[in-house]
Amino acid sequence: MFAYTVRRLLMLIPVLLGMSIVTFSIIHLIPGNPAQVILGDQATATAVANLEEQLGLNDPFFVQYFQYMGNLLQGDLGTSLRTNTAISSEIWSHLAATMELTIFAMIFATFVGVNAGIISAWKQNSWFDYLAMVIALIGVSMPIFWLGLMQQWIFAQELGWLPAFGRGNPRDPIESITNFNILDSIINGRTDQLWTSFKHLILPGVALGTIPLAIIARMTRSSMLEVLRSDFIRTIEAKGSRPISVIYRHGFKNAVIPVLTVVGLQTGTLLGGAILTETIFSWPGVGRYIFEAIGTRDYPVIQSGILVVAFMFVLINLVVDLLYSYIDPRIKY
């Protein structure tokens, strides 16, 4: 297991190197003078020259890249042109907000999707199977922005059960320790803030988790159907094992690899693809952070935001690969 982990870590080096080259090249792919584009057409020549000097645009490309990599290795992601603040100090709170939302959405999607897929495979061609797959098809096809607006209208405006915007109560802010509101509420011993934070998570989390839920349910059903038709399952059933044991202990254990792949990919996708959800629900996540940077032409933030999200995606894929070898020892050989 250790040797397999080391090999997987070494394989990340060229991936991370290529990722850094792509993100660094973004500012150089801008048509015309990048500094002029950032400052706008009304900027003076002096302002443009100062920004070129600040960003190091006067140096050769490879010199700029090695300076960029040197700063990255020291944890320096640059400085925001909009707030004049170190990006490394302000991006963590946005990344933590997105991670908290993604974790909630994936727990919801995985729990519901996996169980719906297992029951659909177990009761193939039953009313539950048809209903679950129709709902999954609707879930994959439904636009997130429309679902989010409908949720706000029904559960926030009409019923008043859940808050429609934000991450917590602005009149009673949570003392920030980890920037994860749920965790900080527990650490501070504030059950009222814990409940408030949880309520704010429900609507955006369900909206964000709808598409992954549908994909996980369909993949689980397909994988389980293949396993349940295997000879070893018929042998276990012939021995008189309980149906629940056959389905969950033996069937799902052998069908989990494709499901785990989908869960990993969807988790990485949600970390960088939650812009619509974060915008609709005013969630201060990294997707909205990058979106606002695009609107203000804050290219250092765009560069760093894309790099951080891509790194998280690669990290999640690494974790999934390691889980493969834990679940199925044959993989590491």
C-alpha atoms as a PDB file:
ATOM      1  CA  MET A   1       0.000   0.000   0.000  1.00  0.00           C
ATOM      2  CA  PHE A   2       2.857   2.394   0.857  1.00  0.00           C
ATOM      3  CA  ALA A   3       4.660   1.749  -2.441  1.00  0.00           C
ATOM      4  CA  TYR A   4       1.426   2.271  -4.381  1.00  0.00           C
ATOM      5  CA  THR A   5       0.806   5.564  -2.555  1.00  0.00           C
ATOM      6  CA  VAL A   6       4.335   6.771  -3.331  1.00  0.00           C
ATOM      7  CA  ARG A   7       3.906   5.898  -7.020  1.00  0.00           C
ATOM      8  CA  ARG A   8       0.618   7.803  -7.164  1.00  0.00           C
ATOM      9  CA  LEU A   9       2.221  10.842  -5.494  1.00  0.00           C
ATOM     10  CA  LEU A  10       5.130  10.806  -7.967  1.00  0.00           C
ATOM     11  CA  MET A  11       2.665  10.666 -10.865  1.00  0.00           C
ATOM     12  CA  LEU A  12       1.118  13.901  -9.580  1.00  0.00           C
ATOM     13  CA  ILE A  13       4.305  15.888 -10.218  1.00  0.00           C
ATOM     14  CA  PRO A  14       3.946  16.201 -14.037  1.00  0.00           C
ATOM     15  CA  VAL A  15       0.196  16.807 -13.632  1.00  0.00           C
ATOM     16  CA  LEU A  16       0.760  19.672 -11.185  1.00  0.00           C
ATOM     17  CA  LEU A  17       3.577  21.066 -13.345  1.00  0.00           C
ATOM     18  CA  GLY A  18       1.368  21.113 -16.445  1.00  0.00           C
ATOM     19  CA  MET A  19      -1.450  22.642 -14.435  1.00  0.00           C
ATOM     20  CA  SER A  20       0.812  25.471 -13.240  1.00  0.00           C
ATOM     21  CA  ILE A  21       1.933  26.199 -16.820  1.00  0.00           C
ATOM     22  CA  VAL A  22      -1.677  26.425 -18.024  1.00  0.00           C
ATOM     23  CA  THR A  23      -2.797  28.709 -15.206  1.00  0.00           C
ATOM     24  CA  PHE A  24       0.271  30.924 -15.565  1.00  0.00           C
ATOM     25  CA  SER A  25      -0.276  31.229 -19.314  1.00  0.00           C
ATOM     26  CA  ILE A  26      -3.802  32.612 -18.881  1.00  0.00           C
ATOM     27  CA  ILE A  27      -2.672  36.203 -18.447  1.00  0.00           C
ATOM     28  CA  HIS A  28      -0.351  35.914 -21.470  1.00  0.00           C
ATOM     29  CA  LEU A  29      -3.178  34.662 -23.714  1.00  0.00           C
ATOM     30  CA  ILE A  30      -5.075  37.924 -23.337  1.00  0.00           C
ATOM     31  CA  PRO A  31      -5.139  39.717 -26.718  1.00  0.00           C
ATOM     32  CA  GLY A  32      -3.088  42.886 -26.660  1.00  0.00           C
ATOM     33  CA  ASN A  33      -1.361  44.282 -23.579  1.00  0.00           C
ATOM     34  CA  PRO A  34      -2.552  42.454 -20.440  1.00  0.00           C
ATOM     35  CA  ALA A  35      -1.909  45.483 -18.236  1.00  0.00           C
ATOM     36  CA  GLN A  36      -3.952  47.673 -20.596  1.00  0.00           C
ATOM     37  CA  VAL A  37      -6.803  45.146 -20.547  1.00  0.00           C
ATOM     38  CA  ILE A  38      -6.772  45.031 -16.749  1.00  0.00           C
ATOM     39  CA  LEU A  39      -6.766  48.808 -16.283  1.00  0.00           C
ATOM     40  CA  GLY A  40      -9.098  49.627 -19.150  1.00  0.00           C
ATOM     41  CA  ASP A  41      -8.883  51.923 -22.155  1.00  0.00           C
ATOM     42  CA  GLN A  42      -8.872  55.103 -20.065  1.00  0.00           C
ATOM     43  CA  ALA A  43      -5.688  54.208 -18.164  1.00  0.00           C
ATOM     44  CA  THR A  44      -2.652  56.434 -18.588  1.00  0.00           C
ATOM     45  CA  ALA A  45       0.604  55.184 -20.033  1.00  0.00           C
ATOM     46  CA  THR A  46       2.251  55.659 -16.637  1.00  0.00           C
ATOM     47  CA  ALA A  47      -0.341  53.494 -14.895  1.00  0.00           C
ATOM     48  CA  VAL A  48       0.036  50.788 -17.537  1.00  0.00           C
ATOM     49  CA  ALA A  49       3.836  50.865 -17.207  1.00  0.00           C
ATOM     50  CA  ASN A  50       3.610  50.646 -13.397  1.00  0.00           C
ATOM     51  CA  LEU A  51       1.268  47.646 -13.575  1.00  0.00           C
ATOM     52  CA  GLU A  52       3.538  45.922 -16.112  1.00  0.00           C
ATOM     53  CA  GLU A  53       6.413  46.383 -13.676  1.00  0.00           C
ATOM     54  CA  GLN A  54       4.288  45.179 -10.737  1.00  0.00           C
ATOM     55  CA  LEU A  55       3.210  42.008 -12.579  1.00  0.00           C
ATOM     56  CA  GLY A  56       6.665  41.414 -14.031  1.00  0.00           C
ATOM     57  CA  LEU A  57       5.374  41.533 -17.595  1.00  0.00           C
ATOM     58  CA  ASN A  58       8.571  43.166 -18.847  1.00  0.00           C
ATOM     59  CA  ASP A  59      10.610  40.041 -18.112  1.00  0.00           C
ATOM     60  CA  PRO A  60      10.912  37.112 -20.559  1.00  0.00           C
ATOM     61  CA  PHE A  61       8.192  34.452 -20.317  1.00  0.00           C
ATOM     62  CA  PHE A  62      10.349  31.769 -18.690  1.00  0.00           C
ATOM     63  CA  VAL A  63      11.769  34.240 -16.160  1.00  0.00           C
ATOM     64  CA  GLN A  64       8.211  35.203 -15.209  1.00  0.00           C
ATOM     65  CA  TYR A  65       7.210  31.538 -14.930  1.00  0.00           C
ATOM     66  CA  PHE A  66      10.109  30.610 -12.639  1.00  0.00           C
ATOM     67  CA  GLN A  67       9.364  33.633 -10.453  1.00  0.00           C
ATOM     68  CA  TYR A  68       5.720  32.547 -10.371  1.00  0.00           C
ATOM     69  CA  MET A  69       6.688  28.983  -9.379  1.00  0.00           C
ATOM     70  CA  GLY A  70       9.081  30.271  -6.728  1.00  0.00           C
ATOM     71  CA  ASN A  71       6.295  32.322  -5.179  1.00  0.00           C
ATOM     72  CA  LEU A  72       3.900  29.366  -5.363  1.00  0.00           C
ATOM     73  CA  LEU A  73       6.325  27.068  -3.563  1.00  0.00           C
ATOM     74  CA  GLN A  74       6.490  29.656  -0.775  1.00  0.00           C
ATOM     75  CA  GLY A  75       2.685  29.798  -0.530  1.00  0.00           C
ATOM     76  CA  ASP A  76       2.448  33.195  -2.242  1.00  0.00           C
ATOM     77  CA  LEU A  77      -0.491  33.296  -4.677  1.00  0.00           C
ATOM     78  CA  GLY A  78      -0.002  36.967  -5.525  1.00  0.00           C
ATOM     79  CA  THR A  79      -1.954  40.104  -4.641  1.00  0.00           C
ATOM     80  CA  SER A  80      -5.487  41.009  -5.624  1.00  0.00           C
ATOM     81  CA  LEU A  81      -5.628  44.086  -7.842  1.00  0.00           C
ATOM     82  CA  ARG A  82      -9.113  44.911  -6.548  1.00  0.00           C
ATOM     83  CA  THR A  83      -8.518  44.697  -2.775  1.00  0.00           C
ATOM     84  CA  ASN A  84      -4.691  44.992  -2.717  1.00  0.00           C
ATOM     85  CA  THR A  85      -4.710  42.010  -0.339  1.00  0.00           C
ATOM     86  CA  ALA A  86      -2.668  38.820  -0.461  1.00  0.00           C
ATOM     87  CA  ILE A  87      -4.778  36.247  -2.299  1.00  0.00           C
ATOM     88  CA  SER A  88      -3.566  33.435  -0.050  1.00  0.00           C
ATOM     89  CA  SER A  89      -5.081  35.202   2.971  1.00  0.00           C
ATOM     90  CA  GLU A  90      -8.504  35.917   1.452  1.00  0.00           C
ATOM     91  CA  ILE A  91      -9.140  32.865  -0.731  1.00  0.00           C
ATOM     92  CA  TRP A  92      -9.245  30.356   2.151  1.00  0.00           C
ATOM     93  CA  SER A  93     -12.536  31.653   3.572  1.00  0.00           C
ATOM     94  CA  HIS A  94     -14.140  31.369   0.109  1.00  0.00           C
ATOM     95  CA  LEU A  95     -12.655  27.906  -0.465  1.00  0.00           C
ATOM     96  CA  ALA A  96     -13.870  26.740   2.964  1.00  0.00           C
ATOM     97  CA  ALA A  97     -17.395  27.954   2.146  1.00  0.00           C
ATOM     98  CA  THR A  98     -17.393  26.019  -1.139  1.00  0.00           C
ATOM     99  CA  MET A  99     -15.931  22.918   0.509  1.00  0.00           C
ATOM    100  CA  GLU A 100     -18.590  22.997   3.233  1.00  0.00           C
ATOM    101  CA  LEU A 101     -21.350  23.320   0.631  1.00  0.00           C
ATOM    102  CA  THR A 102     -19.812  20.596  -1.553  1.00  0.00           C
ATOM    103  CA  ILE A 103     -19.427  18.168   1.351  1.00  0.00           C
ATOM    104  CA  PHE A 104     -23.058  18.664   2.368  1.00  0.00           C
ATOM    105  CA  ALA A 105     -24.265  18.292  -1.239  1.00  0.00           C
ATOM    106  CA  MET A 106     -22.216  15.126  -1.816  1.00  0.00           C
ATOM    107  CA  ILE A 107     -23.304  13.506   1.465  1.00  0.00           C
ATOM    108  CA  PHE A 108     -26.911  14.121   0.460  1.00  0.00           C
ATOM    109  CA  ALA A 109     -26.336  12.978  -3.139  1.00  0.00           C
ATOM    110  CA  THR A 110     -24.320   9.888  -2.198  1.00  0.00           C
ATOM    111  CA  PHE A 111     -26.644   8.656   0.554  1.00  0.00           C
ATOM    112  CA  VAL A 112     -29.840   9.099  -1.438  1.00  0.00           C
ATOM    113  CA  GLY A 113     -28.352   8.158  -4.820  1.00  0.00           C
ATOM    114  CA  VAL A 114     -26.589   4.991  -3.673  1.00  0.00           C
ATOM    115  CA  ASN A 115     -29.605   3.651  -1.781  1.00  0.00           C
ATOM    116  CA  ALA A 116     -31.991   4.527  -4.609  1.00  0.00           C
ATOM    117  CA  GLY A 117     -29.721   2.766  -7.107  1.00  0.00           C
ATOM    118  CA  ILE A 118     -29.355  -0.331  -4.911  1.00  0.00           C
ATOM    119  CA  ILE A 119     -33.096  -0.672  -4.337  1.00  0.00           C
ATOM    120  CA  SER A 120     -33.795  -0.090  -8.035  1.00  0.00           C
ATOM    121  CA  ALA A 121     -31.406  -2.903  -8.976  1.00  0.00           C
ATOM    122  CA  TRP A 122     -32.791  -5.173  -6.256  1.00  0.00           C
ATOM    123  CA  LYS A 123     -36.387  -4.498  -7.337  1.00  0.00           C
ATOM    124  CA  GLN A 124     -35.660  -4.283 -11.057  1.00  0.00           C
ATOM    125  CA  ASN A 125     -38.676  -3.410 -13.252  1.00  0.00           C
ATOM    126  CA  SER A 126     -40.790  -2.611 -10.170  1.00  0.00           C
ATOM    127  CA  TRP A 127     -42.709   0.645  -9.664  1.00  0.00           C
ATOM    128  CA  PHE A 128     -39.868   1.927  -7.445  1.00  0.00           C
ATOM    129  CA  ASP A 129     -37.315   1.202 -10.167  1.00  0.00           C
ATOM    130  CA  TYR A 130     -39.299   3.074 -12.824  1.00  0.00           C
ATOM    131  CA  LEU A 131     -40.072   5.977 -10.488  1.00  0.00           C
ATOM    132  CA  ALA A 132     -36.466   6.312  -9.276  1.00  0.00           C
ATOM    133  CA  MET A 133     -35.032   6.297 -12.787  1.00  0.00           C
ATOM    134  CA  VAL A 134     -37.590   8.843 -14.041  1.00  0.00           C
ATOM    135  CA  ILE A 135     -36.725  11.132 -11.121  1.00  0.00           C
ATOM    136  CA  ALA A 136     -33.004  10.588 -11.858  1.00  0.00           C
ATOM    137  CA  LEU A 137     -33.550  11.541 -15.501  1.00  0.00           C
ATOM    138  CA  ILE A 138     -35.389  14.697 -14.417  1.00  0.00           C
ATOM    139  CA  GLY A 139     -32.600  15.465 -11.935  1.00  0.00           C
ATOM    140  CA  VAL A 140     -29.909  15.241 -14.619  1.00  0.00           C
ATOM    141  CA  SER A 141     -31.938  17.398 -17.028  1.00  0.00           C
ATOM    142  CA  MET A 142     -33.093  20.083 -14.591  1.00  0.00           C
ATOM    143  CA  PRO A 143     -31.139  23.394 -14.693  1.00  0.00           C
ATOM    144  CA  ILE A 144     -29.674  24.220 -11.286  1.00  0.00           C
ATOM    145  CA  PHE A 145     -30.616  27.901 -11.509  1.00  0.00           C
ATOM    146  CA  TRP A 146     -34.290  27.023 -12.090  1.00  0.00           C
ATOM    147  CA  LEU A 147     -34.314  24.480  -9.244  1.00  0.00           C
ATOM    148  CA  GLY A 148     -32.678  27.003  -6.924  1.00  0.00           C
ATOM    149  CA  LEU A 149     -35.212  29.707  -7.741  1.00  0.00           C
ATOM    150  CA  MET A 150     -38.103  27.255  -7.230  1.00  0.00           C
ATOM    151  CA  GLN A 151     -36.661  26.209  -3.873  1.00  0.00           C
ATOM    152  CA  GLN A 152     -36.393  29.827  -2.770  1.00  0.00           C
ATOM    153  CA  TRP A 153     -39.951  30.548  -3.870  1.00  0.00           C
ATOM    154  CA  ILE A 154     -41.519  27.487  -2.198  1.00  0.00           C
ATOM    155  CA  PHE A 155     -39.482  26.894   0.963  1.00  0.00           C
ATOM    156  CA  ALA A 156     -38.294  30.426   1.733  1.00  0.00           C
ATOM    157  CA  GLN A 157     -40.933  32.812   0.395  1.00  0.00           C
ATOM    158  CA  GLU A 158     -44.176  30.782   0.534  1.00  0.00           C
ATOM    159  CA  LEU A 159     -43.568  28.414   3.470  1.00  0.00           C
ATOM    160  CA  GLY A 160     -40.894  30.389   5.304  1.00  0.00           C
ATOM    161  CA  TRP A 161     -39.177  27.206   6.489  1.00  0.00           C
ATOM    162  CA  LEU A 162     -35.630  27.919   5.322  1.00  0.00           C
ATOM    163  CA  PRO A 163     -33.468  30.988   4.590  1.00  0.00           C
ATOM    164  CA  ALA A 164     -32.978  31.854   0.925  1.00  0.00           C
ATOM    165  CA  PHE A 165     -29.670  33.710   1.004  1.00  0.00           C
ATOM    166  CA  GLY A 166     -26.327  33.820   2.750  1.00  0.00           C
ATOM    167  CA  ARG A 167     -24.368  31.473   4.930  1.00  0.00           C
ATOM    168  CA  GLY A 168     -25.524  32.506   8.393  1.00  0.00           C
ATOM    169  CA  ASN A 169     -27.114  35.219  10.501  1.00  0.00           C
ATOM    170  CA  PRO A 170     -25.267  38.511   9.830  1.00  0.00           C
ATOM    171  CA  ARG A 171     -26.538  39.898  13.151  1.00  0.00           C
ATOM    172  CA  ASP A 172     -24.871  37.062  15.057  1.00  0.00           C
ATOM    173  CA  PRO A 173     -21.668  36.229  13.155  1.00  0.00           C
ATOM    174  CA  ILE A 174     -19.816  33.033  13.959  1.00  0.00           C
ATOM    175  CA  GLU A 175     -16.390  33.390  15.531  1.00  0.00           C
ATOM    176  CA  SER A 176     -14.161  32.203  12.705  1.00  0.00           C
ATOM    177  CA  ILE A 177     -11.618  29.510  13.592  1.00  0.00           C
ATOM    178  CA  THR A 178     -11.566  27.137  10.616  1.00  0.00           C
ATOM    179  CA  ASN A 179     -13.928  29.119   8.331  1.00  0.00           C
ATOM    180  CA  PHE A 180     -16.232  26.067   8.280  1.00  0.00           C
ATOM    181  CA  ASN A 181     -19.378  27.417   9.942  1.00  0.00           C
ATOM    182  CA  ILE A 182     -20.671  24.030  11.078  1.00  0.00           C
ATOM    183  CA  LEU A 183     -17.334  23.104  12.643  1.00  0.00           C
ATOM    184  CA  ASP A 184     -16.791  26.547  14.165  1.00  0.00           C
ATOM    185  CA  SER A 185     -20.256  26.447  15.746  1.00  0.00           C
ATOM    186  CA  ILE A 186     -19.428  23.103  17.355  1.00  0.00           C
ATOM    187  CA  ILE A 187     -16.024  24.318  18.569  1.00  0.00           C
ATOM    188  CA  ASN A 188     -17.615  27.459  20.065  1.00  0.00           C
ATOM    189  CA  GLY A 189     -20.389  25.418  21.653  1.00  0.00           C
ATOM    190  CA  ARG A 190     -23.099  27.459  19.930  1.00  0.00           C
ATOM    191  CA  THR A 191     -25.961  25.073  19.111  1.00  0.00           C
ATOM    192  CA  ASP A 192     -28.109  28.002  17.928  1.00  0.00           C
ATOM    193  CA  GLN A 193     -25.495  28.995  15.350  1.00  0.00           C
ATOM    194  CA  LEU A 194     -25.076  25.326  14.388  1.00  0.00           C
ATOM    195  CA  TRP A 195     -28.788  25.055  13.591  1.00  0.00           C
ATOM    196  CA  THR A 196     -28.740  28.374  11.715  1.00  0.00           C
ATOM    197  CA  SER A 197     -25.732  27.306   9.630  1.00  0.00           C
ATOM    198  CA  PHE A 198     -27.348  23.953   8.863  1.00  0.00           C
ATOM    199  CA  LYS A 199     -30.577  25.616   7.707  1.00  0.00           C
ATOM    200  CA  HIS A 200     -28.624  27.894   5.376  1.00  0.00           C
ATOM    201  CA  LEU A 201     -26.915  24.824   3.886  1.00  0.00           C
ATOM    202  CA  ILE A 202     -30.066  22.886   3.011  1.00  0.00           C
ATOM    203  CA  LEU A 203     -31.419  24.761  -0.027  1.00  0.00           C
ATOM    204  CA  PRO A 204     -28.113  25.378  -1.871  1.00  0.00           C
ATOM    205  CA  GLY A 205     -26.839  21.927  -0.861  1.00  0.00           C
ATOM    206  CA  VAL A 206     -29.894  20.130  -2.240  1.00  0.00           C
ATOM    207  CA  ALA A 207     -29.820  22.220  -5.428  1.00  0.00           C
ATOM    208  CA  LEU A 208     -26.117  21.534  -5.926  1.00  0.00           C
ATOM    209  CA  GLY A 209     -26.441  17.832  -5.134  1.00  0.00           C
ATOM    210  CA  THR A 210     -29.368  17.095  -7.458  1.00  0.00           C
ATOM    211  CA  ILE A 211     -27.355  16.309 -10.604  1.00  0.00           C
ATOM    212  CA  PRO A 212     -24.708  14.205  -8.777  1.00  0.00           C
ATOM    213  CA  LEU A 213     -27.528  12.350  -7.002  1.00  0.00           C
ATOM    214  CA  ALA A 214     -29.130  11.386 -10.305  1.00  0.00           C
ATOM    215  CA  ILE A 215     -25.804  10.302 -11.837  1.00  0.00           C
ATOM    216  CA  ILE A 216     -24.839   8.272  -8.748  1.00  0.00           C
ATOM    217  CA  ALA A 217     -28.250   6.562  -8.662  1.00  0.00           C
ATOM    218  CA  ARG A 218     -28.044   5.526 -12.324  1.00  0.00           C
ATOM    219  CA  MET A 219     -24.431   4.331 -12.002  1.00  0.00           C
ATOM    220  CA  THR A 220     -25.183   2.392  -8.805  1.00  0.00           C
ATOM    221  CA  ARG A 221     -28.147   0.672 -10.442  1.00  0.00           C
ATOM    222  CA  SER A 222     -26.123  -0.349 -13.515  1.00  0.00           C
ATOM    223  CA  SER A 223     -23.192  -1.595 -11.453  1.00  0.00           C
ATOM    224  CA  MET A 224     -25.434  -3.485  -9.016  1.00  0.00           C
ATOM    225  CA  LEU A 225     -27.390  -5.181 -11.817  1.00  0.00           C
ATOM    226  CA  GLU A 226     -24.152  -6.550 -13.236  1.00  0.00           C
ATOM    227  CA  VAL A 227     -22.994  -7.845  -9.850  1.00  0.00           C
ATOM    228  CA  LEU A 228     -26.362  -9.327  -8.858  1.00  0.00           C
ATOM    229  CA  ARG A 229     -26.303 -11.476 -11.987  1.00  0.00           C
ATOM    230  CA  SER A 230     -22.949 -12.990 -11.009  1.00  0.00           C
ATOM    231  CA  ASP A 231     -22.543 -16.643 -10.030  1.00  0.00           C
ATOM    232  CA  PHE A 232     -21.140 -15.889  -6.584  1.00  0.00           C
ATOM    233  CA  ILE A 233     -24.289 -13.927  -5.680  1.00  0.00           C
ATOM    234  CA  ARG A 234     -26.464 -16.907  -6.637  1.00  0.00           C
ATOM    235  CA  THR A 235     -24.217 -19.131  -4.518  1.00  0.00           C
ATOM    236  CA  ILE A 236     -24.567 -16.826  -1.511  1.00  0.00           C
ATOM    237  CA  GLU A 237     -28.339 -16.729  -1.969  1.00  0.00           C
ATOM    238  CA  ALA A 238     -28.421 -20.554  -2.187  1.00  0.00           C
ATOM    239  CA  LYS A 239     -26.673 -20.741   1.191  1.00  0.00           C
ATOM    240  CA  GLY A 240     -29.640 -18.955   2.739  1.00  0.00           C
ATOM    241  CA  SER A 241     -28.097 -15.537   3.440  1.00  0.00           C
ATOM    242  CA  ARG A 242     -30.492 -12.738   4.223  1.00  0.00           C
ATOM    243  CA  PRO A 243     -31.375 -10.514   1.227  1.00  0.00           C
ATOM    244  CA  ILE A 244     -30.058  -7.378   2.990  1.00  0.00           C
ATOM    245  CA  SER A 245     -26.716  -9.100   3.598  1.00  0.00           C
ATOM    246  CA  VAL A 246     -26.550 -10.287  -0.012  1.00  0.00           C
ATOM    247  CA  ILE A 247     -27.307  -6.813  -1.373  1.00  0.00           C
ATOM    248  CA  TYR A 248     -25.204  -4.569   0.868  1.00  0.00           C
ATOM    249  CA  ARG A 249     -22.430  -6.789   2.232  1.00  0.00           C
ATOM    250  CA  HIS A 250     -21.646  -8.821  -0.887  1.00  0.00           C
ATOM    251  CA  GLY A 251     -23.311  -7.077  -3.816  1.00  0.00           C
ATOM    252  CA  PHE A 252     -22.543  -3.424  -3.181  1.00  0.00           C
ATOM    253  CA  LYS A 253     -19.001  -4.157  -1.983  1.00  0.00           C
ATOM    254  CA  ASN A 254     -18.216  -5.562  -5.442  1.00  0.00           C
ATOM    255  CA  ALA A 255     -20.116  -2.811  -7.274  1.00  0.00           C
ATOM    256  CA  VAL A 256     -18.656   0.158  -5.412  1.00  0.00           C
ATOM    257  CA  ILE A 257     -15.622   0.924  -7.645  1.00  0.00           C
ATOM    258  CA  PRO A 258     -17.571   2.599 -10.517  1.00  0.00           C
ATOM    259  CA  VAL A 259     -19.745   4.403  -7.968  1.00  0.00           C
ATOM    260  CA  LEU A 260     -16.667   5.679  -6.145  1.00  0.00           C
ATOM    261  CA  THR A 261     -15.277   6.974  -9.435  1.00  0.00           C
ATOM    262  CA  VAL A 262     -18.453   8.975 -10.087  1.00  0.00           C
ATOM    263  CA  VAL A 263     -18.512  10.331  -6.516  1.00  0.00           C
ATOM    264  CA  GLY A 264     -14.901  11.507  -6.826  1.00  0.00           C
ATOM    265  CA  LEU A 265     -15.408  13.169 -10.200  1.00  0.00           C
ATOM    266  CA  GLN A 266     -18.636  14.858  -9.101  1.00  0.00           C
ATOM    267  CA  THR A 267     -17.005  16.146  -5.907  1.00  0.00           C
ATOM    268  CA  GLY A 268     -14.185  17.727  -7.884  1.00  0.00           C
ATOM    269  CA  THR A 269     -16.650  19.172 -10.382  1.00  0.00           C
ATOM    270  CA  LEU A 270     -18.786  20.752  -7.652  1.00  0.00           C
ATOM    271  CA  LEU A 271     -15.747  22.453  -6.095  1.00  0.00           C
ATOM    272  CA  GLY A 272     -15.199  24.441  -9.281  1.00  0.00           C
ATOM    273  CA  GLY A 273     -18.654  24.380 -10.828  1.00  0.00           C
ATOM    274  CA  ALA A 274     -20.807  25.806  -8.055  1.00  0.00           C
ATOM    275  CA  ILE A 275     -20.824  29.342  -9.497  1.00  0.00           C
ATOM    276  CA  LEU A 276     -24.529  29.330 -10.400  1.00  0.00           C
ATOM    277  CA  THR A 277     -25.589  27.931  -7.038  1.00  0.00           C
ATOM    278  CA  GLU A 278     -23.353  30.324  -5.113  1.00  0.00           C
ATOM    279  CA  THR A 279     -24.661  33.286  -7.109  1.00  0.00           C
ATOM    280  CA  ILE A 280     -28.349  32.384  -6.696  1.00  0.00           C
ATOM    281  CA  PHE A 281     -28.039  31.776  -2.949  1.00  0.00           C
ATOM    282  CA  SER A 282     -25.463  34.558  -2.301  1.00  0.00           C
ATOM    283  CA  TRP A 283     -23.043  31.929  -1.014  1.00  0.00           C
ATOM    284  CA  PRO A 284     -19.543  33.418  -0.549  1.00  0.00           C
ATOM    285  CA  GLY A 285     -17.691  30.522  -2.166  1.00  0.00           C
ATOM    286  CA  VAL A 286     -14.650  30.291  -4.406  1.00  0.00           C
ATOM    287  CA  GLY A 287     -16.761  30.048  -7.574  1.00  0.00           C
ATOM    288  CA  ARG A 288     -18.422  33.373  -6.848  1.00  0.00           C
ATOM    289  CA  TYR A 289     -15.020  34.777  -5.823  1.00  0.00           C
ATOM    290  CA  ILE A 290     -13.551  33.907  -9.238  1.00  0.00           C
ATOM    291  CA  PHE A 291     -16.709  35.137 -11.005  1.00  0.00           C
ATOM    292  CA  GLU A 292     -16.428  38.561  -9.337  1.00  0.00           C
ATOM    293  CA  ALA A 293     -12.717  38.662 -10.219  1.00  0.00           C
ATOM    294  CA  ILE A 294     -13.600  38.084 -13.879  1.00  0.00           C
ATOM    295  CA  GLY A 295     -16.035  41.002 -13.734  1.00  0.00           C
ATOM    296  CA  THR A 296     -13.377  43.319 -12.279  1.00  0.00           C
ATOM    297  CA  ARG A 297     -10.527  41.983 -14.453  1.00  0.00           C
ATOM    298  CA  ASP A 298      -8.591  40.861 -11.395  1.00  0.00           C
ATOM    299  CA  TYR A 299      -6.397  38.411 -13.288  1.00  0.00           C
ATOM    300  CA  PRO A 300      -4.093  37.388 -10.390  1.00  0.00           C
ATOM    301  CA  VAL A 301      -7.202  36.225  -8.502  1.00  0.00           C
ATOM    302  CA  ILE A 302      -8.470  34.379 -11.590  1.00  0.00           C
ATOM    303  CA  GLN A 303      -5.095  32.669 -11.993  1.00  0.00           C
ATOM    304  CA  SER A 304      -4.844  31.658  -8.349  1.00  0.00           C
ATOM    305  CA  GLY A 305      -8.496  30.641  -8.062  1.00  0.00           C
ATOM    306  CA  ILE A 306      -8.268  28.328 -11.073  1.00  0.00           C
ATOM    307  CA  LEU A 307      -5.002  26.871  -9.758  1.00  0.00           C
ATOM    308  CA  VAL A 308      -6.451  26.169  -6.299  1.00  0.00           C
ATOM    309  CA  VAL A 309      -9.628  24.563  -7.699  1.00  0.00           C
ATOM    310  CA  ALA A 310      -7.600  22.439 -10.126  1.00  0.00           C
ATOM    311  CA  PHE A 311      -5.302  21.353  -7.294  1.00  0.00           C
ATOM    312  CA  MET A 312      -8.300  20.318  -5.187  1.00  0.00           C
ATOM    313  CA  PHE A 313      -9.652  18.304  -8.143  1.00  0.00           C
ATOM    314  CA  VAL A 314      -6.312  16.495  -8.523  1.00  0.00           C
ATOM    315  CA  LEU A 315      -6.160  15.877  -4.769  1.00  0.00           C
ATOM    316  CA  ILE A 316      -9.647  14.350  -4.751  1.00  0.00           C
ATOM    317  CA  ASN A 317      -8.693  12.057  -7.648  1.00  0.00           C
ATOM    318  CA  LEU A 318      -5.637  10.952  -5.661  1.00  0.00           C
ATOM    319  CA  VAL A 319      -7.814  10.108  -2.659  1.00  0.00           C
ATOM    320  CA  VAL A 320     -10.165   8.116  -4.909  1.00  0.00           C
ATOM    321  CA  ASP A 321      -7.228   6.183  -6.387  1.00  0.00           C
ATOM    322  CA  LEU A 322      -5.995   5.307  -2.902  1.00  0.00           C
ATOM    323  CA  LEU A 323      -9.489   4.192  -1.892  1.00  0.00           C
ATOM    324  CA  TYR A 324      -9.524   1.915  -4.956  1.00  0.00           C
ATOM    325  CA  SER A 325      -6.506   0.029  -3.656  1.00  0.00           C
ATOM    326  CA  TYR A 326      -8.014  -0.203  -0.171  1.00  0.00           C
ATOM    327  CA  ILE A 327     -11.334  -1.588  -1.411  1.00  0.00           C
ATOM    328  CA  ASP A 328      -9.826  -3.885  -4.046  1.00  0.00           C
ATOM    329  CA  PRO A 329      -6.222  -4.938  -3.181  1.00  0.00           C
ATOM    330  CA  ARG A 330      -5.716  -6.309  -6.714  1.00  0.00           C
ATOM    331  CA  ILE A 331      -5.496  -2.741  -8.079  1.00  0.00           C
ATOM    332  CA  LYS A 332      -2.202  -1.880  -6.378  1.00  0.00           C
ATOM    333  CA  TYR A 333      -0.572  -4.879  -8.031  1.00  0.00           C
END
